[in-house]
Amino acid sequence: DLPDGLQDRLAEREGRLGYINGFLAVGLHH
């Protein structure tokens, strides 16, 4: 349900790091 701009940024981070940091994961509720 995330906006495209945010989905793209998360996909870039996941591609670069292989994970999403916990702060962002929890923050995705906002």
PDB file of all heavy atoms in Angstrom:
ATOM      1  N   ASP A   1       0.794  -1.223   0.000  1.00  0.00           N
ATOM      2  CA  ASP A   1       0.000   0.000   0.000  1.00  0.00           C
ATOM      3  C   ASP A   1       0.831   1.280   0.000  1.00  0.00           C
ATOM      4  O   ASP A   1       0.277   2.359   0.177  1.00  0.00           O
ATOM      5  CB  ASP A   1      -0.929   0.009   1.222  1.00  0.00           C
ATOM      6  CG  ASP A   1      -1.948  -1.118   1.170  1.00  0.00           C
ATOM      7  OD1 ASP A   1      -2.379  -1.478   0.062  1.00  0.00           O
ATOM      8  OD2 ASP A   1      -2.298  -1.632   2.243  1.00  0.00           O
ATOM      9  N   LEU A   2       2.125   1.180  -0.187  1.00  0.00           N
ATOM     10  CA  LEU A   2       2.968   2.376  -0.145  1.00  0.00           C
ATOM     11  C   LEU A   2       2.912   3.144  -1.453  1.00  0.00           C
ATOM     12  O   LEU A   2       2.729   2.559  -2.521  1.00  0.00           O
ATOM     13  CB  LEU A   2       4.424   1.984   0.147  1.00  0.00           C
ATOM     14  CG  LEU A   2       4.694   1.356   1.500  1.00  0.00           C
ATOM     15  CD1 LEU A   2       6.165   0.975   1.614  1.00  0.00           C
ATOM     16  CD2 LEU A   2       4.305   2.297   2.630  1.00  0.00           C
ATOM     17  N   PRO A   3       3.122   4.461  -1.382  1.00  0.00           N
ATOM     18  CA  PRO A   3       3.208   5.236  -2.618  1.00  0.00           C
ATOM     19  C   PRO A   3       4.400   4.778  -3.457  1.00  0.00           C
ATOM     20  O   PRO A   3       5.410   4.307  -2.915  1.00  0.00           O
ATOM     21  CB  PRO A   3       3.418   6.674  -2.136  1.00  0.00           C
ATOM     22  CG  PRO A   3       3.315   6.664  -0.658  1.00  0.00           C
ATOM     23  CD  PRO A   3       3.288   5.251  -0.186  1.00  0.00           C
ATOM     24  N   ASP A   4       4.284   4.914  -4.786  1.00  0.00           N
ATOM     25  CA  ASP A   4       5.338   4.438  -5.685  1.00  0.00           C
ATOM     26  C   ASP A   4       6.717   4.992  -5.348  1.00  0.00           C
ATOM     27  O   ASP A   4       7.701   4.271  -5.359  1.00  0.00           O
ATOM     28  CB  ASP A   4       5.008   4.785  -7.138  1.00  0.00           C
ATOM     29  CG  ASP A   4       3.931   3.878  -7.696  1.00  0.00           C
ATOM     30  OD1 ASP A   4       3.659   2.833  -7.082  1.00  0.00           O
ATOM     31  OD2 ASP A   4       3.362   4.229  -8.741  1.00  0.00           O
ATOM     32  N   GLY A   5       6.821   6.277  -5.042  1.00  0.00           N
ATOM     33  CA  GLY A   5       8.124   6.863  -4.739  1.00  0.00           C
ATOM     34  C   GLY A   5       8.806   6.183  -3.570  1.00  0.00           C
ATOM     35  O   GLY A   5      10.012   5.961  -3.575  1.00  0.00           O
ATOM     36  N   LEU A   6       8.028   5.825  -2.572  1.00  0.00           N
ATOM     37  CA  LEU A   6       8.591   5.160  -1.404  1.00  0.00           C
ATOM     38  C   LEU A   6       8.918   3.707  -1.713  1.00  0.00           C
ATOM     39  O   LEU A   6       9.959   3.194  -1.294  1.00  0.00           O
ATOM     40  CB  LEU A   6       7.626   5.265  -0.219  1.00  0.00           C
ATOM     41  CG  LEU A   6       8.117   4.715   1.114  1.00  0.00           C
ATOM     42  CD1 LEU A   6       9.492   5.253   1.482  1.00  0.00           C
ATOM     43  CD2 LEU A   6       7.114   5.028   2.209  1.00  0.00           C
ATOM     44  N   GLN A   7       8.066   3.031  -2.466  1.00  0.00           N
ATOM     45  CA  GLN A   7       8.353   1.649  -2.861  1.00  0.00           C
ATOM     46  C   GLN A   7       9.668   1.587  -3.637  1.00  0.00           C
ATOM     47  O   GLN A   7      10.490   0.702  -3.410  1.00  0.00           O
ATOM     48  CB  GLN A   7       7.216   1.084  -3.694  1.00  0.00           C
ATOM     49  CG  GLN A   7       5.974   0.765  -2.895  1.00  0.00           C
ATOM     50  CD  GLN A   7       4.908   0.087  -3.731  1.00  0.00           C
ATOM     51  OE1 GLN A   7       5.127  -0.284  -4.869  1.00  0.00           O
ATOM     52  NE2 GLN A   7       3.725  -0.069  -3.160  1.00  0.00           N
ATOM     53  N   ASP A   8       9.871   2.531  -4.535  1.00  0.00           N
ATOM     54  CA  ASP A   8      11.098   2.554  -5.335  1.00  0.00           C
ATOM     55  C   ASP A   8      12.322   2.771  -4.455  1.00  0.00           C
ATOM     56  O   ASP A   8      13.351   2.111  -4.635  1.00  0.00           O
ATOM     57  CB  ASP A   8      11.036   3.637  -6.406  1.00  0.00           C
ATOM     58  CG  ASP A   8       9.989   3.343  -7.459  1.00  0.00           C
ATOM     59  OD1 ASP A   8       9.567   2.170  -7.585  1.00  0.00           O
ATOM     60  OD2 ASP A   8       9.583   4.291  -8.159  1.00  0.00           O
ATOM     61  N   ARG A   9      12.216   3.681  -3.501  1.00  0.00           N
ATOM     62  CA  ARG A   9      13.359   3.942  -2.609  1.00  0.00           C
ATOM     63  C   ARG A   9      13.671   2.726  -1.743  1.00  0.00           C
ATOM     64  O   ARG A   9      14.828   2.407  -1.497  1.00  0.00           O
ATOM     65  CB  ARG A   9      13.085   5.169  -1.755  1.00  0.00           C
ATOM     66  CG  ARG A   9      13.227   6.445  -2.560  1.00  0.00           C
ATOM     67  CD  ARG A   9      13.319   7.624  -1.642  1.00  0.00           C
ATOM     68  NE  ARG A   9      13.819   8.760  -2.384  1.00  0.00           N
ATOM     69  CZ  ARG A   9      13.106   9.842  -2.620  1.00  0.00           C
ATOM     70  NH1 ARG A   9      11.875   9.935  -2.176  1.00  0.00           N
ATOM     71  NH2 ARG A   9      13.634  10.844  -3.286  1.00  0.00           N
ATOM     72  N   LEU A  10      12.633   2.059  -1.260  1.00  0.00           N
ATOM     73  CA  LEU A  10      12.862   0.851  -0.456  1.00  0.00           C
ATOM     74  C   LEU A  10      13.465  -0.265  -1.296  1.00  0.00           C
ATOM     75  O   LEU A  10      14.337  -1.001  -0.840  1.00  0.00           O
ATOM     76  CB  LEU A  10      11.561   0.381   0.182  1.00  0.00           C
ATOM     77  CG  LEU A  10      10.991   1.273   1.271  1.00  0.00           C
ATOM     78  CD1 LEU A  10       9.646   0.740   1.728  1.00  0.00           C
ATOM     79  CD2 LEU A  10      11.949   1.403   2.437  1.00  0.00           C
ATOM     80  N   ALA A  11      13.006  -0.397  -2.531  1.00  0.00           N
ATOM     81  CA  ALA A  11      13.555  -1.415  -3.430  1.00  0.00           C
ATOM     82  C   ALA A  11      15.040  -1.145  -3.694  1.00  0.00           C
ATOM     83  O   ALA A  11      15.854  -2.073  -3.717  1.00  0.00           O
ATOM     84  CB  ALA A  11      12.781  -1.448  -4.741  1.00  0.00           C
ATOM     85  N   GLU A  12      15.400   0.120  -3.837  1.00  0.00           N
ATOM     86  CA  GLU A  12      16.810   0.472  -4.054  1.00  0.00           C
ATOM     87  C   GLU A  12      17.641   0.089  -2.838  1.00  0.00           C
ATOM     88  O   GLU A  12      18.706  -0.504  -2.964  1.00  0.00           O
ATOM     89  CB  GLU A  12      16.933   1.978  -4.351  1.00  0.00           C
ATOM     90  CG  GLU A  12      18.343   2.432  -4.670  1.00  0.00           C
ATOM     91  CD  GLU A  12      19.185   2.711  -3.439  1.00  0.00           C
ATOM     92  OE1 GLU A  12      18.650   3.167  -2.415  1.00  0.00           O
ATOM     93  OE2 GLU A  12      20.401   2.427  -3.491  1.00  0.00           O
ATOM     94  N   ARG A  13      17.145   0.398  -1.651  1.00  0.00           N
ATOM     95  CA  ARG A  13      17.870   0.054  -0.423  1.00  0.00           C
ATOM     96  C   ARG A  13      17.988  -1.460  -0.255  1.00  0.00           C
ATOM     97  O   ARG A  13      19.038  -1.971   0.102  1.00  0.00           O
ATOM     98  CB  ARG A  13      17.173   0.637   0.809  1.00  0.00           C
ATOM     99  CG  ARG A  13      17.435   2.086   0.993  1.00  0.00           C
ATOM    100  CD  ARG A  13      16.654   2.607   2.195  1.00  0.00           C
ATOM    101  NE  ARG A  13      17.023   3.975   2.420  1.00  0.00           N
ATOM    102  CZ  ARG A  13      17.821   4.378   3.408  1.00  0.00           C
ATOM    103  NH1 ARG A  13      18.280   3.518   4.276  1.00  0.00           N
ATOM    104  NH2 ARG A  13      18.128   5.644   3.531  1.00  0.00           N
ATOM    105  N   GLU A  14      16.896  -2.151  -0.487  1.00  0.00           N
ATOM    106  CA  GLU A  14      16.925  -3.611  -0.364  1.00  0.00           C
ATOM    107  C   GLU A  14      17.903  -4.194  -1.370  1.00  0.00           C
ATOM    108  O   GLU A  14      18.657  -5.113  -1.051  1.00  0.00           O
ATOM    109  CB  GLU A  14      15.512  -4.177  -0.572  1.00  0.00           C
ATOM    110  CG  GLU A  14      15.374  -5.628  -0.173  1.00  0.00           C
ATOM    111  CD  GLU A  14      15.910  -6.610  -1.193  1.00  0.00           C
ATOM    112  OE1 GLU A  14      15.928  -6.282  -2.396  1.00  0.00           O
ATOM    113  OE2 GLU A  14      16.310  -7.713  -0.789  1.00  0.00           O
ATOM    114  N   GLY A  15      17.933  -3.654  -2.582  1.00  0.00           N
ATOM    115  CA  GLY A  15      18.867  -4.146  -3.585  1.00  0.00           C
ATOM    116  C   GLY A  15      20.315  -3.891  -3.214  1.00  0.00           C
ATOM    117  O   GLY A  15      21.193  -4.711  -3.477  1.00  0.00           O
ATOM    118  N   ARG A  16      20.572  -2.742  -2.586  1.00  0.00           N
ATOM    119  CA  ARG A  16      21.939  -2.367  -2.211  1.00  0.00           C
ATOM    120  C   ARG A  16      22.388  -3.073  -0.935  1.00  0.00           C
ATOM    121  O   ARG A  16      23.512  -3.567  -0.845  1.00  0.00           O
ATOM    122  CB  ARG A  16      22.008  -0.852  -2.034  1.00  0.00           C
ATOM    123  CG  ARG A  16      23.370  -0.308  -1.703  1.00  0.00           C
ATOM    124  CD  ARG A  16      23.420   1.219  -1.815  1.00  0.00           C
ATOM    125  NE  ARG A  16      22.269   1.900  -1.268  1.00  0.00           N
ATOM    126  CZ  ARG A  16      22.144   2.309   0.003  1.00  0.00           C
ATOM    127  NH1 ARG A  16      23.114   2.085   0.870  1.00  0.00           N
ATOM    128  NH2 ARG A  16      21.048   2.936   0.403  1.00  0.00           N
ATOM    129  N   LEU A  17      21.508  -3.152   0.064  1.00  0.00           N
ATOM    130  CA  LEU A  17      21.886  -3.684   1.371  1.00  0.00           C
ATOM    131  C   LEU A  17      21.457  -5.126   1.605  1.00  0.00           C
ATOM    132  O   LEU A  17      22.044  -5.823   2.408  1.00  0.00           O
ATOM    133  CB  LEU A  17      21.282  -2.810   2.482  1.00  0.00           C
ATOM    134  CG  LEU A  17      21.664  -1.332   2.477  1.00  0.00           C
ATOM    135  CD1 LEU A  17      20.845  -0.584   3.518  1.00  0.00           C
ATOM    136  CD2 LEU A  17      23.146  -1.163   2.712  1.00  0.00           C
ATOM    137  N   GLY A  18      20.368  -5.543   0.946  1.00  0.00           N
ATOM    138  CA  GLY A  18      19.826  -6.876   1.173  1.00  0.00           C
ATOM    139  C   GLY A  18      18.860  -6.940   2.338  1.00  0.00           C
ATOM    140  O   GLY A  18      18.393  -8.004   2.714  1.00  0.00           O
ATOM    141  N   TYR A  19      18.549  -5.784   2.942  1.00  0.00           N
ATOM    142  CA  TYR A  19      17.612  -5.727   4.056  1.00  0.00           C
ATOM    143  C   TYR A  19      17.076  -4.305   4.175  1.00  0.00           C
ATOM    144  O   TYR A  19      17.563  -3.382   3.539  1.00  0.00           O
ATOM    145  CB  TYR A  19      18.264  -6.146   5.375  1.00  0.00           C
ATOM    146  CG  TYR A  19      19.361  -5.212   5.852  1.00  0.00           C
ATOM    147  CD1 TYR A  19      19.070  -4.152   6.708  1.00  0.00           C
ATOM    148  CD2 TYR A  19      20.671  -5.385   5.446  1.00  0.00           C
ATOM    149  CE1 TYR A  19      20.061  -3.292   7.130  1.00  0.00           C
ATOM    150  CE2 TYR A  19      21.671  -4.536   5.867  1.00  0.00           C
ATOM    151  CZ  TYR A  19      21.366  -3.486   6.710  1.00  0.00           C
ATOM    152  OH  TYR A  19      22.349  -2.633   7.129  1.00  0.00           O
ATOM    153  N   ILE A  20      16.071  -4.135   5.001  1.00  0.00           N
ATOM    154  CA  ILE A  20      15.543  -2.826   5.366  1.00  0.00           C
ATOM    155  C   ILE A  20      15.843  -2.653   6.850  1.00  0.00           C
ATOM    156  O   ILE A  20      15.594  -3.562   7.639  1.00  0.00           O
ATOM    157  CB  ILE A  20      14.011  -2.763   5.144  1.00  0.00           C
ATOM    158  CG1 ILE A  20      13.663  -3.014   3.679  1.00  0.00           C
ATOM    159  CG2 ILE A  20      13.438  -1.439   5.623  1.00  0.00           C
ATOM    160  CD1 ILE A  20      14.172  -1.989   2.719  1.00  0.00           C
ATOM    161  N   ASN A  21      16.374  -1.483   7.245  1.00  0.00           N
ATOM    162  CA  ASN A  21      16.689  -1.351   8.668  1.00  0.00           C
ATOM    163  C   ASN A  21      15.418  -1.278   9.495  1.00  0.00           C
ATOM    164  O   ASN A  21      14.347  -0.924   9.015  1.00  0.00           O
ATOM    165  CB  ASN A  21      17.660  -0.199   8.947  1.00  0.00           C
ATOM    166  CG  ASN A  21      17.057   1.173   8.814  1.00  0.00           C
ATOM    167  OD1 ASN A  21      15.881   1.382   9.061  1.00  0.00           O
ATOM    168  ND2 ASN A  21      17.874   2.136   8.430  1.00  0.00           N
ATOM    169  N   GLY A  22      15.535  -1.679  10.744  1.00  0.00           N
ATOM    170  CA  GLY A  22      14.380  -1.797  11.623  1.00  0.00           C
ATOM    171  C   GLY A  22      13.624  -0.498  11.809  1.00  0.00           C
ATOM    172  O   GLY A  22      12.393  -0.481  11.879  1.00  0.00           O
ATOM    173  N   PHE A  23      14.332   0.616  11.868  1.00  0.00           N
ATOM    174  CA  PHE A  23      13.679   1.910  12.022  1.00  0.00           C
ATOM    175  C   PHE A  23      12.732   2.175  10.862  1.00  0.00           C
ATOM    176  O   PHE A  23      11.585   2.571  11.059  1.00  0.00           O
ATOM    177  CB  PHE A  23      14.735   3.012  12.116  1.00  0.00           C
ATOM    178  CG  PHE A  23      14.150   4.389  12.201  1.00  0.00           C
ATOM    179  CD1 PHE A  23      13.660   4.855  13.412  1.00  0.00           C
ATOM    180  CD2 PHE A  23      14.086   5.197  11.090  1.00  0.00           C
ATOM    181  CE1 PHE A  23      13.105   6.133  13.503  1.00  0.00           C
ATOM    182  CE2 PHE A  23      13.538   6.464  11.165  1.00  0.00           C
ATOM    183  CZ  PHE A  23      13.050   6.932  12.379  1.00  0.00           C
ATOM    184  N   LEU A  24      13.201   1.945   9.645  1.00  0.00           N
ATOM    185  CA  LEU A  24      12.336   2.146   8.476  1.00  0.00           C
ATOM    186  C   LEU A  24      11.200   1.135   8.444  1.00  0.00           C
ATOM    187  O   LEU A  24      10.070   1.477   8.108  1.00  0.00           O
ATOM    188  CB  LEU A  24      13.138   2.053   7.177  1.00  0.00           C
ATOM    189  CG  LEU A  24      14.088   3.202   6.884  1.00  0.00           C
ATOM    190  CD1 LEU A  24      14.792   2.969   5.554  1.00  0.00           C
ATOM    191  CD2 LEU A  24      13.370   4.528   6.885  1.00  0.00           C
ATOM    192  N   ALA A  25      11.494  -0.104   8.791  1.00  0.00           N
ATOM    193  CA  ALA A  25      10.460  -1.141   8.751  1.00  0.00           C
ATOM    194  C   ALA A  25       9.296  -0.781   9.665  1.00  0.00           C
ATOM    195  O   ALA A  25       8.135  -0.894   9.280  1.00  0.00           O
ATOM    196  CB  ALA A  25      11.051  -2.499   9.139  1.00  0.00           C
ATOM    197  N   VAL A  26       9.602  -0.319  10.865  1.00  0.00           N
ATOM    198  CA  VAL A  26       8.555   0.068  11.798  1.00  0.00           C
ATOM    199  C   VAL A  26       7.898   1.373  11.346  1.00  0.00           C
ATOM    200  O   VAL A  26       6.684   1.532  11.404  1.00  0.00           O
ATOM    201  CB  VAL A  26       9.119   0.196  13.234  1.00  0.00           C
ATOM    202  CG1 VAL A  26       8.081   0.773  14.178  1.00  0.00           C
ATOM    203  CG2 VAL A  26       9.592  -1.164  13.725  1.00  0.00           C
ATOM    204  N   GLY A  27       8.701   2.298  10.835  1.00  0.00           N
ATOM    205  CA  GLY A  27       8.184   3.581  10.390  1.00  0.00           C
ATOM    206  C   GLY A  27       7.266   3.508   9.193  1.00  0.00           C
ATOM    207  O   GLY A  27       6.516   4.457   8.916  1.00  0.00           O
ATOM    208  N   LEU A  28       7.278   2.404   8.469  1.00  0.00           N
ATOM    209  CA  LEU A  28       6.445   2.287   7.274  1.00  0.00           C
ATOM    210  C   LEU A  28       4.952   2.351   7.581  1.00  0.00           C
ATOM    211  O   LEU A  28       4.140   2.521   6.672  1.00  0.00           O
ATOM    212  CB  LEU A  28       6.775   1.005   6.513  1.00  0.00           C
ATOM    213  CG  LEU A  28       8.133   1.020   5.825  1.00  0.00           C
ATOM    214  CD1 LEU A  28       8.424  -0.333   5.200  1.00  0.00           C
ATOM    215  CD2 LEU A  28       8.209   2.111   4.783  1.00  0.00           C
ATOM    216  N   HIS A  29       4.612   2.262   8.855  1.00  0.00           N
ATOM    217  CA  HIS A  29       3.205   2.466   9.224  1.00  0.00           C
ATOM    218  C   HIS A  29       2.796   3.921   9.000  1.00  0.00           C
ATOM    219  O   HIS A  29       1.616   4.236   8.975  1.00  0.00           O
ATOM    220  CB  HIS A  29       2.963   2.061  10.678  1.00  0.00           C
ATOM    221  CG  HIS A  29       3.096   0.593  10.907  1.00  0.00           C
ATOM    222  ND1 HIS A  29       2.162  -0.311  10.454  1.00  0.00           N
ATOM    223  CD2 HIS A  29       4.067  -0.135  11.512  1.00  0.00           C
ATOM    224  CE1 HIS A  29       2.539  -1.537  10.788  1.00  0.00           C
ATOM    225  NE2 HIS A  29       3.685  -1.462  11.424  1.00  0.00           N
ATOM    226  N   HIS A  30       3.802   4.798   8.841  1.00  0.00           N
ATOM    227  CA  HIS A  30       3.579   6.223   8.561  1.00  0.00           C
ATOM    228  C   HIS A  30       4.408   6.585   7.327  1.00  0.00           C
ATOM    229  O   HIS A  30       5.458   7.218   7.428  1.00  0.00           O
ATOM    230  CB  HIS A  30       3.983   7.079   9.763  1.00  0.00           C
ATOM    231  CG  HIS A  30       3.221   6.724  10.989  1.00  0.00           C
ATOM    232  ND1 HIS A  30       1.916   7.125  11.192  1.00  0.00           N
ATOM    233  CD2 HIS A  30       3.552   5.975  12.064  1.00  0.00           C
ATOM    234  CE1 HIS A  30       1.487   6.646  12.338  1.00  0.00           C
ATOM    235  NE2 HIS A  30       2.453   5.947  12.888  1.00  0.00           N
TER     236      HIS A  30
END
